[in-house]
Amino acid sequence: VTPDSFSDGGRYDSVDAAVAHGRALR
């Protein structure tokens, strides 16, 4: 949940985007 991680920074830096990504990974 970061704007600057080396691989996917900024892709999941909003709560909704991060939750959706977590659900997809699960």
PDB file of all heavy atoms in Angstrom:
ATOM      1  N   VAL A   1       0.871  -1.176   0.000  1.00  0.00           N
ATOM      2  CA  VAL A   1       0.000   0.000   0.000  1.00  0.00           C
ATOM      3  C   VAL A   1       0.915   1.235   0.000  1.00  0.00           C
ATOM      4  O   VAL A   1       0.944   2.027   0.930  1.00  0.00           O
ATOM      5  CB  VAL A   1      -0.935  -0.007   1.223  1.00  0.00           C
ATOM      6  CG1 VAL A   1      -2.083   0.988   1.018  1.00  0.00           C
ATOM      7  CG2 VAL A   1      -1.507  -1.396   1.478  1.00  0.00           C
ATOM      8  N   THR A   2       1.677   1.351  -1.082  1.00  0.00           N
ATOM      9  CA  THR A   2       2.722   2.375  -1.158  1.00  0.00           C
ATOM     10  C   THR A   2       2.756   2.990  -2.549  1.00  0.00           C
ATOM     11  O   THR A   2       2.381   2.350  -3.529  1.00  0.00           O
ATOM     12  CB  THR A   2       4.108   1.758  -0.894  1.00  0.00           C
ATOM     13  OG1 THR A   2       4.355   0.740  -1.881  1.00  0.00           O
ATOM     14  CG2 THR A   2       4.193   1.144   0.498  1.00  0.00           C
ATOM     15  N   PRO A   3       3.239   4.237  -2.652  1.00  0.00           N
ATOM     16  CA  PRO A   3       3.413   4.838  -3.965  1.00  0.00           C
ATOM     17  C   PRO A   3       4.773   4.562  -4.590  1.00  0.00           C
ATOM     18  O   PRO A   3       5.004   4.904  -5.749  1.00  0.00           O
ATOM     19  CB  PRO A   3       3.282   6.341  -3.663  1.00  0.00           C
ATOM     20  CG  PRO A   3       3.836   6.479  -2.282  1.00  0.00           C
ATOM     21  CD  PRO A   3       3.448   5.208  -1.557  1.00  0.00           C
ATOM     22  N   ASP A   4       5.698   3.916  -3.841  1.00  0.00           N
ATOM     23  CA  ASP A   4       7.089   3.870  -4.275  1.00  0.00           C
ATOM     24  C   ASP A   4       7.789   2.527  -4.088  1.00  0.00           C
ATOM     25  O   ASP A   4       9.009   2.468  -4.101  1.00  0.00           O
ATOM     26  CB  ASP A   4       7.896   4.943  -3.531  1.00  0.00           C
ATOM     27  CG  ASP A   4       7.815   4.810  -2.015  1.00  0.00           C
ATOM     28  OD1 ASP A   4       6.940   4.079  -1.518  1.00  0.00           O
ATOM     29  OD2 ASP A   4       8.618   5.457  -1.331  1.00  0.00           O
ATOM     30  N   SER A   5       7.059   1.424  -3.924  1.00  0.00           N
ATOM     31  CA  SER A   5       7.719   0.131  -3.844  1.00  0.00           C
ATOM     32  C   SER A   5       8.385  -0.191  -5.180  1.00  0.00           C
ATOM     33  O   SER A   5       7.924   0.242  -6.246  1.00  0.00           O
ATOM     34  CB  SER A   5       6.709  -0.960  -3.480  1.00  0.00           C
ATOM     35  OG  SER A   5       6.282  -0.795  -2.144  1.00  0.00           O
ATOM     36  N   PHE A   6       9.462  -1.000  -5.122  1.00  0.00           N
ATOM     37  CA  PHE A   6      10.310  -1.160  -6.315  1.00  0.00           C
ATOM     38  C   PHE A   6       9.586  -1.825  -7.476  1.00  0.00           C
ATOM     39  O   PHE A   6       9.894  -1.566  -8.631  1.00  0.00           O
ATOM     40  CB  PHE A   6      11.573  -1.955  -5.953  1.00  0.00           C
ATOM     41  CG  PHE A   6      11.374  -3.450  -5.896  1.00  0.00           C
ATOM     42  CD1 PHE A   6      11.652  -4.239  -6.998  1.00  0.00           C
ATOM     43  CD2 PHE A   6      10.928  -4.073  -4.734  1.00  0.00           C
ATOM     44  CE1 PHE A   6      11.484  -5.619  -6.945  1.00  0.00           C
ATOM     45  CE2 PHE A   6      10.757  -5.445  -4.679  1.00  0.00           C
ATOM     46  CZ  PHE A   6      11.035  -6.227  -5.787  1.00  0.00           C
ATOM     47  N   SER A   7       8.587  -2.681  -7.193  1.00  0.00           N
ATOM     48  CA  SER A   7       7.967  -3.445  -8.259  1.00  0.00           C
ATOM     49  C   SER A   7       6.596  -2.927  -8.661  1.00  0.00           C
ATOM     50  O   SER A   7       6.293  -2.810  -9.846  1.00  0.00           O
ATOM     51  CB  SER A   7       7.833  -4.913  -7.844  1.00  0.00           C
ATOM     52  OG  SER A   7       7.124  -5.646  -8.800  1.00  0.00           O
ATOM     53  N   ASP A   8       5.760  -2.596  -7.686  1.00  0.00           N
ATOM     54  CA  ASP A   8       4.376  -2.235  -7.991  1.00  0.00           C
ATOM     55  C   ASP A   8       3.944  -0.958  -7.284  1.00  0.00           C
ATOM     56  O   ASP A   8       2.765  -0.760  -7.014  1.00  0.00           O
ATOM     57  CB  ASP A   8       3.428  -3.380  -7.627  1.00  0.00           C
ATOM     58  CG  ASP A   8       3.564  -3.817  -6.175  1.00  0.00           C
ATOM     59  OD1 ASP A   8       4.298  -3.148  -5.421  1.00  0.00           O
ATOM     60  OD2 ASP A   8       2.956  -4.829  -5.795  1.00  0.00           O
ATOM     61  N   GLY A   9       4.900  -0.098  -6.963  1.00  0.00           N
ATOM     62  CA  GLY A   9       4.575   1.129  -6.254  1.00  0.00           C
ATOM     63  C   GLY A   9       3.538   1.966  -6.992  1.00  0.00           C
ATOM     64  O   GLY A   9       3.659   2.202  -8.190  1.00  0.00           O
ATOM     65  N   GLY A  10       2.497   2.380  -6.275  1.00  0.00           N
ATOM     66  CA  GLY A  10       1.457   3.215  -6.850  1.00  0.00           C
ATOM     67  C   GLY A  10       0.283   2.461  -7.419  1.00  0.00           C
ATOM     68  O   GLY A  10      -0.776   3.054  -7.660  1.00  0.00           O
ATOM     69  N   ARG A  11       0.419   1.157  -7.620  1.00  0.00           N
ATOM     70  CA  ARG A  11      -0.690   0.401  -8.218  1.00  0.00           C
ATOM     71  C   ARG A  11      -1.797   0.111  -7.208  1.00  0.00           C
ATOM     72  O   ARG A  11      -2.958  -0.017  -7.574  1.00  0.00           O
ATOM     73  CB  ARG A  11      -0.176  -0.911  -8.813  1.00  0.00           C
ATOM     74  CG  ARG A  11       0.764  -0.724 -10.000  1.00  0.00           C
ATOM     75  CD  ARG A  11       1.122  -2.059 -10.619  1.00  0.00           C
ATOM     76  NE  ARG A  11      -0.052  -2.723 -11.187  1.00  0.00           N
ATOM     77  CZ  ARG A  11      -0.023  -3.943 -11.725  1.00  0.00           C
ATOM     78  NH1 ARG A  11       1.117  -4.628 -11.731  1.00  0.00           N
ATOM     79  NH2 ARG A  11      -1.113  -4.480 -12.218  1.00  0.00           N
ATOM     80  N   TYR A  12      -1.409  -0.021  -5.934  1.00  0.00           N
ATOM     81  CA  TYR A  12      -2.379  -0.397  -4.905  1.00  0.00           C
ATOM     82  C   TYR A  12      -2.270   0.535  -3.704  1.00  0.00           C
ATOM     83  O   TYR A  12      -2.404   0.103  -2.558  1.00  0.00           O
ATOM     84  CB  TYR A  12      -2.149  -1.851  -4.474  1.00  0.00           C
ATOM     85  CG  TYR A  12      -1.977  -2.797  -5.631  1.00  0.00           C
ATOM     86  CD1 TYR A  12      -0.741  -3.395  -5.885  1.00  0.00           C
ATOM     87  CD2 TYR A  12      -3.025  -3.059  -6.499  1.00  0.00           C
ATOM     88  CE1 TYR A  12      -0.570  -4.246  -6.964  1.00  0.00           C
ATOM     89  CE2 TYR A  12      -2.872  -3.907  -7.590  1.00  0.00           C
ATOM     90  CZ  TYR A  12      -1.631  -4.492  -7.819  1.00  0.00           C
ATOM     91  OH  TYR A  12      -1.477  -5.326  -8.893  1.00  0.00           O
ATOM     92  N   ASP A  13      -2.038   1.831  -3.957  1.00  0.00           N
ATOM     93  CA  ASP A  13      -1.792   2.744  -2.838  1.00  0.00           C
ATOM     94  C   ASP A  13      -3.056   3.398  -2.294  1.00  0.00           C
ATOM     95  O   ASP A  13      -2.974   4.240  -1.405  1.00  0.00           O
ATOM     96  CB  ASP A  13      -0.750   3.797  -3.197  1.00  0.00           C
ATOM     97  CG  ASP A  13      -1.169   4.676  -4.361  1.00  0.00           C
ATOM     98  OD1 ASP A  13      -2.162   4.343  -5.031  1.00  0.00           O
ATOM     99  OD2 ASP A  13      -0.494   5.693  -4.602  1.00  0.00           O
ATOM    100  N   SER A  14      -4.229   2.997  -2.785  1.00  0.00           N
ATOM    101  CA  SER A  14      -5.478   3.406  -2.135  1.00  0.00           C
ATOM    102  C   SER A  14      -6.038   2.202  -1.397  1.00  0.00           C
ATOM    103  O   SER A  14      -5.725   1.050  -1.725  1.00  0.00           O
ATOM    104  CB  SER A  14      -6.500   3.895  -3.171  1.00  0.00           C
ATOM    105  OG  SER A  14      -7.025   2.801  -3.918  1.00  0.00           O
ATOM    106  N   VAL A  15      -6.855   2.454  -0.390  1.00  0.00           N
ATOM    107  CA  VAL A  15      -7.403   1.360   0.403  1.00  0.00           C
ATOM    108  C   VAL A  15      -8.212   0.416  -0.474  1.00  0.00           C
ATOM    109  O   VAL A  15      -8.056  -0.816  -0.413  1.00  0.00           O
ATOM    110  CB  VAL A  15      -8.268   1.914   1.553  1.00  0.00           C
ATOM    111  CG1 VAL A  15      -9.012   0.780   2.252  1.00  0.00           C
ATOM    112  CG2 VAL A  15      -7.403   2.671   2.546  1.00  0.00           C
ATOM    113  N   ASP A  16      -9.078   0.958  -1.323  1.00  0.00           N
ATOM    114  CA  ASP A  16      -9.925   0.101  -2.159  1.00  0.00           C
ATOM    115  C   ASP A  16      -9.090  -0.754  -3.103  1.00  0.00           C
ATOM    116  O   ASP A  16      -9.365  -1.948  -3.285  1.00  0.00           O
ATOM    117  CB  ASP A  16     -10.914   0.948  -2.957  1.00  0.00           C
ATOM    118  CG  ASP A  16     -12.039   1.509  -2.095  1.00  0.00           C
ATOM    119  OD1 ASP A  16     -12.224   1.009  -0.957  1.00  0.00           O
ATOM    120  OD2 ASP A  16     -12.726   2.441  -2.546  1.00  0.00           O
ATOM    121  N   ALA A  17      -8.067  -0.149  -3.715  1.00  0.00           N
ATOM    122  CA  ALA A  17      -7.226  -0.904  -4.647  1.00  0.00           C
ATOM    123  C   ALA A  17      -6.445  -1.994  -3.924  1.00  0.00           C
ATOM    124  O   ALA A  17      -6.298  -3.114  -4.427  1.00  0.00           O
ATOM    125  CB  ALA A  17      -6.268   0.039  -5.374  1.00  0.00           C
ATOM    126  N   ALA A  18      -5.939  -1.681  -2.739  1.00  0.00           N
ATOM    127  CA  ALA A  18      -5.174  -2.671  -1.978  1.00  0.00           C
ATOM    128  C   ALA A  18      -6.061  -3.830  -1.527  1.00  0.00           C
ATOM    129  O   ALA A  18      -5.651  -4.997  -1.577  1.00  0.00           O
ATOM    130  CB  ALA A  18      -4.513  -2.007  -0.774  1.00  0.00           C
ATOM    131  N   VAL A  19      -7.277  -3.515  -1.082  1.00  0.00           N
ATOM    132  CA  VAL A  19      -8.199  -4.572  -0.656  1.00  0.00           C
ATOM    133  C   VAL A  19      -8.564  -5.461  -1.835  1.00  0.00           C
ATOM    134  O   VAL A  19      -8.576  -6.699  -1.723  1.00  0.00           O
ATOM    135  CB  VAL A  19      -9.451  -3.965  -0.003  1.00  0.00           C
ATOM    136  CG1 VAL A  19     -10.531  -5.027   0.206  1.00  0.00           C
ATOM    137  CG2 VAL A  19      -9.088  -3.309   1.327  1.00  0.00           C
ATOM    138  N   ALA A  20      -8.839  -4.848  -2.979  1.00  0.00           N
ATOM    139  CA  ALA A  20      -9.171  -5.640  -4.166  1.00  0.00           C
ATOM    140  C   ALA A  20      -8.004  -6.534  -4.568  1.00  0.00           C
ATOM    141  O   ALA A  20      -8.193  -7.705  -4.937  1.00  0.00           O
ATOM    142  CB  ALA A  20      -9.564  -4.718  -5.313  1.00  0.00           C
ATOM    143  N   HIS A  21      -6.801  -5.999  -4.482  1.00  0.00           N
ATOM    144  CA  HIS A  21      -5.622  -6.794  -4.826  1.00  0.00           C
ATOM    145  C   HIS A  21      -5.438  -7.945  -3.832  1.00  0.00           C
ATOM    146  O   HIS A  21      -5.155  -9.086  -4.241  1.00  0.00           O
ATOM    147  CB  HIS A  21      -4.383  -5.889  -4.829  1.00  0.00           C
ATOM    148  CG  HIS A  21      -3.135  -6.582  -5.241  1.00  0.00           C
ATOM    149  ND1 HIS A  21      -3.019  -7.274  -6.424  1.00  0.00           N
ATOM    150  CD2 HIS A  21      -1.921  -6.702  -4.614  1.00  0.00           C
ATOM    151  CE1 HIS A  21      -1.802  -7.783  -6.521  1.00  0.00           C
ATOM    152  NE2 HIS A  21      -1.118  -7.455  -5.434  1.00  0.00           N
ATOM    153  N   GLY A  22      -5.606  -7.669  -2.552  1.00  0.00           N
ATOM    154  CA  GLY A  22      -5.502  -8.731  -1.560  1.00  0.00           C
ATOM    155  C   GLY A  22      -6.513  -9.836  -1.792  1.00  0.00           C
ATOM    156  O   GLY A  22      -6.194 -11.030  -1.686  1.00  0.00           O
ATOM    157  N   ARG A  23      -7.725  -9.458  -2.123  1.00  0.00           N
ATOM    158  CA  ARG A  23      -8.758 -10.464  -2.395  1.00  0.00           C
ATOM    159  C   ARG A  23      -8.396 -11.289  -3.625  1.00  0.00           C
ATOM    160  O   ARG A  23      -8.601 -12.515  -3.648  1.00  0.00           O
ATOM    161  CB  ARG A  23     -10.102  -9.781  -2.585  1.00  0.00           C
ATOM    162  CG  ARG A  23     -10.699  -9.251  -1.272  1.00  0.00           C
ATOM    163  CD  ARG A  23     -11.918  -8.387  -1.489  1.00  0.00           C
ATOM    164  NE  ARG A  23     -12.525  -8.004  -0.208  1.00  0.00           N
ATOM    165  CZ  ARG A  23     -13.389  -7.011  -0.067  1.00  0.00           C
ATOM    166  NH1 ARG A  23     -13.765  -6.289  -1.133  1.00  0.00           N
ATOM    167  NH2 ARG A  23     -13.889  -6.722   1.131  1.00  0.00           N
ATOM    168  N   ALA A  24      -7.825 -10.639  -4.638  1.00  0.00           N
ATOM    169  CA  ALA A  24      -7.424 -11.368  -5.845  1.00  0.00           C
ATOM    170  C   ALA A  24      -6.281 -12.342  -5.540  1.00  0.00           C
ATOM    171  O   ALA A  24      -6.264 -13.472  -6.049  1.00  0.00           O
ATOM    172  CB  ALA A  24      -7.009 -10.381  -6.931  1.00  0.00           C
ATOM    173  N   LEU A  25      -5.342 -11.919  -4.715  1.00  0.00           N
ATOM    174  CA  LEU A  25      -4.232 -12.804  -4.353  1.00  0.00           C
ATOM    175  C   LEU A  25      -4.733 -14.005  -3.549  1.00  0.00           C
ATOM    176  O   LEU A  25      -4.262 -15.135  -3.730  1.00  0.00           O
ATOM    177  CB  LEU A  25      -3.180 -12.046  -3.543  1.00  0.00           C
ATOM    178  CG  LEU A  25      -2.415 -10.942  -4.277  1.00  0.00           C
ATOM    179  CD1 LEU A  25      -1.376 -10.318  -3.353  1.00  0.00           C
ATOM    180  CD2 LEU A  25      -1.745 -11.472  -5.544  1.00  0.00           C
ATOM    181  N   ARG A  26      -5.677 -13.746  -2.674  1.00  0.00           N
ATOM    182  CA  ARG A  26      -6.236 -14.849  -1.888  1.00  0.00           C
ATOM    183  C   ARG A  26      -6.975 -15.834  -2.801  1.00  0.00           C
ATOM    184  O   ARG A  26      -6.848 -17.048  -2.650  1.00  0.00           O
ATOM    185  CB  ARG A  26      -7.172 -14.271  -0.834  1.00  0.00           C
ATOM    186  CG  ARG A  26      -7.589 -15.267   0.218  1.00  0.00           C
ATOM    187  CD  ARG A  26      -8.367 -14.566   1.319  1.00  0.00           C
ATOM    188  NE  ARG A  26      -8.947 -15.528   2.231  1.00  0.00           N
ATOM    189  CZ  ARG A  26     -10.128 -15.416   2.784  1.00  0.00           C
ATOM    190  NH1 ARG A  26     -10.890 -14.372   2.506  1.00  0.00           N
ATOM    191  NH2 ARG A  26     -10.575 -16.327   3.628  1.00  0.00           N
TER     192      ARG A  26
END
